[in-house]
Amino acid sequence: KTAFPHGDIEEEIYMHQPIGYVAPGKENNVCRPKKSLYSLKQAPRQWYKKFDSFMSENGYRRCHADHCCYLKKFDTSYIILLLYVDDV
């Protein structure tokens, strides 16, 4: 629940006001989220796009065999980063 809100929404999405946060007198209004939410279908993809962009900007390259594996080489060593996100 903490990773997905860091993704950015590219589409224009509207939703009902969350239960418990309905503004009095504005019960029929809708909300337009600016950030990704855990329950959105787009959330995992948007989060991954942002993560991948960050890793690329910092010199990591994605492994061709597994897109959750990132590599960064140095003169005498290297870093292998394996990404694992559990949705359960």
Protein backbone atom coordinates (compact mmCIF):
# COMPACT_ATOMS: atom_id res chain seq x y z
CA LYS A 1 0.00 0.00 0.00
CA THR A 2 2.98 2.32 0.30
CA ALA A 3 4.64 1.79 -3.10
CA PHE A 4 1.80 2.43 -5.52
CA PRO A 5 0.89 5.99 -4.40
CA HIS A 6 4.30 7.10 -5.71
CA GLY A 7 3.24 6.46 -9.31
CA ASP A 8 1.95 9.32 -11.45
CA ILE A 9 -1.40 9.08 -13.25
CA GLU A 10 -1.33 9.81 -16.97
CA GLU A 11 -5.06 9.42 -17.58
CA GLU A 12 -7.87 11.59 -16.30
CA ILE A 13 -9.60 9.49 -13.62
CA TYR A 14 -12.58 10.36 -11.44
CA MET A 15 -13.86 8.47 -8.40
CA HIS A 16 -16.53 8.68 -5.74
CA GLN A 17 -15.50 10.29 -2.48
CA PRO A 18 -13.99 7.71 -0.11
CA ILE A 19 -16.29 6.41 2.63
CA GLY A 20 -15.76 8.48 5.77
CA TYR A 21 -14.42 11.46 3.79
CA VAL A 22 -17.63 12.62 2.15
CA ALA A 23 -17.93 16.39 2.44
CA PRO A 24 -21.24 17.45 4.01
CA GLY A 25 -23.50 19.03 1.39
CA LYS A 26 -21.32 17.65 -1.42
CA GLU A 27 -22.34 13.99 -1.28
CA ASN A 28 -22.68 13.69 -5.08
CA ASN A 29 -19.33 15.28 -5.95
CA VAL A 30 -16.49 13.18 -7.32
CA CYS A 31 -12.74 13.35 -6.79
CA ARG A 32 -9.93 13.49 -9.33
CA PRO A 33 -6.81 11.87 -7.85
CA LYS A 34 -3.46 13.40 -8.81
CA LYS A 35 -1.41 10.41 -7.70
CA SER A 36 -1.89 6.69 -8.21
CA LEU A 37 -3.91 4.78 -5.62
CA TYR A 38 -3.49 1.20 -4.49
CA SER A 39 -6.84 0.07 -5.89
CA LEU A 40 -6.40 1.48 -9.41
CA LYS A 41 -5.73 -0.97 -12.23
CA GLN A 42 -3.00 1.35 -13.53
CA ALA A 43 -1.18 1.59 -10.18
CA PRO A 44 1.38 -1.22 -10.60
CA ARG A 45 2.33 -0.14 -14.11
CA GLN A 46 2.62 3.55 -13.22
CA TRP A 47 4.77 2.75 -10.19
CA TYR A 48 7.06 0.51 -12.25
CA LYS A 49 7.45 3.16 -14.96
CA LYS A 50 8.56 5.70 -12.35
CA PHE A 51 10.92 3.19 -10.70
CA ASP A 52 12.42 2.16 -14.05
CA SER A 53 12.95 5.80 -15.01
CA PHE A 54 14.71 6.50 -11.70
CA MET A 55 17.00 3.49 -12.08
CA SER A 56 17.92 4.44 -15.66
CA GLU A 57 18.73 8.02 -14.63
CA ASN A 58 21.09 6.66 -11.97
CA GLY A 59 23.15 4.48 -14.29
CA TYR A 60 21.43 1.13 -13.90
CA ARG A 61 20.44 -0.89 -16.92
CA ARG A 62 17.61 -3.40 -17.03
CA CYS A 63 18.45 -7.03 -17.69
CA HIS A 64 17.02 -8.33 -20.98
CA ALA A 65 16.07 -11.70 -19.49
CA ASP A 66 14.25 -10.32 -16.43
CA HIS A 67 12.86 -6.78 -16.28
CA CYS A 68 12.97 -6.85 -12.47
CA CYS A 69 16.76 -7.20 -12.50
CA TYR A 70 18.95 -4.10 -12.77
CA LEU A 71 22.72 -4.00 -13.23
CA LYS A 72 25.31 -1.29 -12.62
CA LYS A 73 28.99 -1.85 -13.37
CA PHE A 74 31.91 -0.10 -11.73
CA ASP A 75 35.67 -0.42 -12.36
CA THR A 76 36.26 -3.40 -10.08
CA SER A 77 32.75 -4.36 -8.96
CA TYR A 78 29.09 -4.27 -9.86
CA ILE A 79 25.65 -4.09 -8.30
CA ILE A 80 22.83 -6.46 -9.11
CA LEU A 81 19.46 -5.22 -7.86
CA LEU A 82 16.51 -7.61 -7.91
CA LEU A 83 13.09 -6.01 -7.54
CA TYR A 84 10.31 -7.90 -5.79
CA VAL A 85 6.92 -6.42 -4.95
CA ASP A 86 4.43 -8.62 -3.13
CA ASP A 87 0.80 -7.64 -3.60
CA VAL A 88 -0.48 -10.00 -0.91
